[in-house]
Amino acid sequence: MSRILKLHEGEPPRPAPKKRGAYRRTATKSEIERVVRTATELGLTIYGLTVEGERIQVQTRPGPDPTTGARPAVDAWFDRRG
């Protein structure tokens, strides 16, 4: 049996173009400081801060000026949990 290999018939195959990996932006120190500063300037007490990638979540207690009548329920919830 004979084995025939043909090299470079026509144009050689080109490698597939490289794909850029998924770019995931992360929150910067200045963005986190801005969020905390804004919450403090609004008079909110910060109870927690969560940073997931570019998303910053601040857990605060409602301010002293509620727009609805839910203030007593909120106060009771915080009183039970300290």
C-alpha atoms as a PDB file:
ATOM      1  CA  MET A   1       0.000   0.000   0.000  1.00  0.00           C
ATOM      2  CA  SER A   2       1.167   3.440  -0.711  1.00  0.00           C
ATOM      3  CA  ARG A   3       0.365   6.519   1.239  1.00  0.00           C
ATOM      4  CA  ILE A   4       0.280   9.807  -0.624  1.00  0.00           C
ATOM      5  CA  LEU A   5       0.397  13.034   1.329  1.00  0.00           C
ATOM      6  CA  LYS A   6      -0.263  16.225  -0.539  1.00  0.00           C
ATOM      7  CA  LEU A   7       1.342  19.267   0.995  1.00  0.00           C
ATOM      8  CA  HIS A   8       0.226  22.815   0.353  1.00  0.00           C
ATOM      9  CA  GLU A   9      -2.279  22.124  -2.337  1.00  0.00           C
ATOM     10  CA  GLY A  10      -3.627  25.517  -3.195  1.00  0.00           C
ATOM     11  CA  GLU A  11      -3.527  27.973  -0.318  1.00  0.00           C
ATOM     12  CA  PRO A  12      -2.477  26.665   3.098  1.00  0.00           C
ATOM     13  CA  PRO A  13      -5.202  26.711   5.779  1.00  0.00           C
ATOM     14  CA  ARG A  14      -5.117  29.780   7.939  1.00  0.00           C
ATOM     15  CA  PRO A  15      -5.434  29.589  11.697  1.00  0.00           C
ATOM     16  CA  ALA A  16      -8.746  30.715  13.113  1.00  0.00           C
ATOM     17  CA  PRO A  17      -8.706  34.316  14.359  1.00  0.00           C
ATOM     18  CA  LYS A  18      -8.265  34.579  18.098  1.00  0.00           C
ATOM     19  CA  LYS A  19     -11.291  35.692  20.028  1.00  0.00           C
ATOM     20  CA  ARG A  20     -10.884  38.115  22.831  1.00  0.00           C
ATOM     21  CA  GLY A  21     -12.019  36.727  26.158  1.00  0.00           C
ATOM     22  CA  ALA A  22     -14.985  38.124  28.003  1.00  0.00           C
ATOM     23  CA  TYR A  23     -14.058  41.431  29.595  1.00  0.00           C
ATOM     24  CA  ARG A  24     -15.572  41.997  32.971  1.00  0.00           C
ATOM     25  CA  ARG A  25     -15.210  45.449  34.412  1.00  0.00           C
ATOM     26  CA  THR A  26     -14.764  45.770  38.156  1.00  0.00           C
ATOM     27  CA  ALA A  27     -15.782  48.628  40.410  1.00  0.00           C
ATOM     28  CA  THR A  28     -12.959  51.021  41.148  1.00  0.00           C
ATOM     29  CA  LYS A  29     -11.987  52.430  44.513  1.00  0.00           C
ATOM     30  CA  SER A  30     -13.189  55.907  43.516  1.00  0.00           C
ATOM     31  CA  GLU A  31     -16.643  54.587  42.509  1.00  0.00           C
ATOM     32  CA  ILE A  32     -17.030  52.809  45.849  1.00  0.00           C
ATOM     33  CA  GLU A  33     -15.937  55.943  47.728  1.00  0.00           C
ATOM     34  CA  ARG A  34     -18.422  58.036  45.712  1.00  0.00           C
ATOM     35  CA  VAL A  35     -21.305  55.689  46.576  1.00  0.00           C
ATOM     36  CA  VAL A  36     -20.427  55.712  50.270  1.00  0.00           C
ATOM     37  CA  ARG A  37     -19.950  59.504  50.307  1.00  0.00           C
ATOM     38  CA  THR A  38     -23.297  60.073  48.576  1.00  0.00           C
ATOM     39  CA  ALA A  39     -25.158  57.849  51.039  1.00  0.00           C
ATOM     40  CA  THR A  40     -23.494  59.644  53.960  1.00  0.00           C
ATOM     41  CA  GLU A  41     -24.316  63.085  52.543  1.00  0.00           C
ATOM     42  CA  LEU A  42     -27.963  62.037  52.220  1.00  0.00           C
ATOM     43  CA  GLY A  43     -27.960  61.218  55.924  1.00  0.00           C
ATOM     44  CA  LEU A  44     -28.323  57.465  55.453  1.00  0.00           C
ATOM     45  CA  THR A  45     -26.702  55.012  57.825  1.00  0.00           C
ATOM     46  CA  ILE A  46     -24.767  52.363  55.899  1.00  0.00           C
ATOM     47  CA  TYR A  47     -25.262  48.845  57.248  1.00  0.00           C
ATOM     48  CA  GLY A  48     -23.639  46.863  54.463  1.00  0.00           C
ATOM     49  CA  LEU A  49     -21.696  47.191  51.231  1.00  0.00           C
ATOM     50  CA  THR A  50     -21.523  44.520  48.523  1.00  0.00           C
ATOM     51  CA  VAL A  51     -19.336  44.733  45.420  1.00  0.00           C
ATOM     52  CA  GLU A  52     -19.946  42.192  42.633  1.00  0.00           C
ATOM     53  CA  GLY A  53     -18.004  43.004  39.495  1.00  0.00           C
ATOM     54  CA  GLU A  54     -19.100  46.467  38.451  1.00  0.00           C
ATOM     55  CA  ARG A  55     -22.231  46.457  40.624  1.00  0.00           C
ATOM     56  CA  ILE A  56     -22.090  48.191  44.019  1.00  0.00           C
ATOM     57  CA  GLN A  57     -24.937  47.595  46.446  1.00  0.00           C
ATOM     58  CA  VAL A  58     -25.297  49.654  49.625  1.00  0.00           C
ATOM     59  CA  GLN A  59     -27.635  48.515  52.382  1.00  0.00           C
ATOM     60  CA  THR A  60     -28.958  51.491  54.307  1.00  0.00           C
ATOM     61  CA  ARG A  61     -31.605  52.324  56.820  1.00  0.00           C
ATOM     62  CA  PRO A  62     -34.246  54.706  55.489  1.00  0.00           C
ATOM     63  CA  GLY A  63     -33.571  58.391  56.163  1.00  0.00           C
ATOM     64  CA  PRO A  64     -35.400  60.547  58.681  1.00  0.00           C
ATOM     65  CA  ASP A  65     -37.815  61.862  56.033  1.00  0.00           C
ATOM     66  CA  PRO A  66     -39.999  58.947  54.862  1.00  0.00           C
ATOM     67  CA  THR A  67     -42.433  59.523  52.014  1.00  0.00           C
ATOM     68  CA  THR A  68     -44.853  56.765  53.033  1.00  0.00           C
ATOM     69  CA  GLY A  69     -46.416  55.626  56.276  1.00  0.00           C
ATOM     70  CA  ALA A  70     -44.146  52.566  56.470  1.00  0.00           C
ATOM     71  CA  ARG A  71     -41.769  54.193  58.964  1.00  0.00           C
ATOM     72  CA  PRO A  72     -43.091  52.393  62.104  1.00  0.00           C
ATOM     73  CA  ALA A  73     -42.782  48.985  60.400  1.00  0.00           C
ATOM     74  CA  VAL A  74     -39.214  49.746  59.352  1.00  0.00           C
ATOM     75  CA  ASP A  75     -38.287  50.909  62.860  1.00  0.00           C
ATOM     76  CA  ALA A  76     -39.791  47.752  64.353  1.00  0.00           C
ATOM     77  CA  TRP A  77     -37.801  45.585  61.928  1.00  0.00           C
ATOM     78  CA  PHE A  78     -34.515  47.282  62.826  1.00  0.00           C
ATOM     79  CA  ASP A  79     -35.364  47.190  66.561  1.00  0.00           C
ATOM     80  CA  ARG A  80     -35.873  43.412  66.386  1.00  0.00           C
ATOM     81  CA  ARG A  81     -32.604  42.814  64.534  1.00  0.00           C
ATOM     82  CA  GLY A  82     -30.439  45.358  66.333  1.00  0.00           C
END
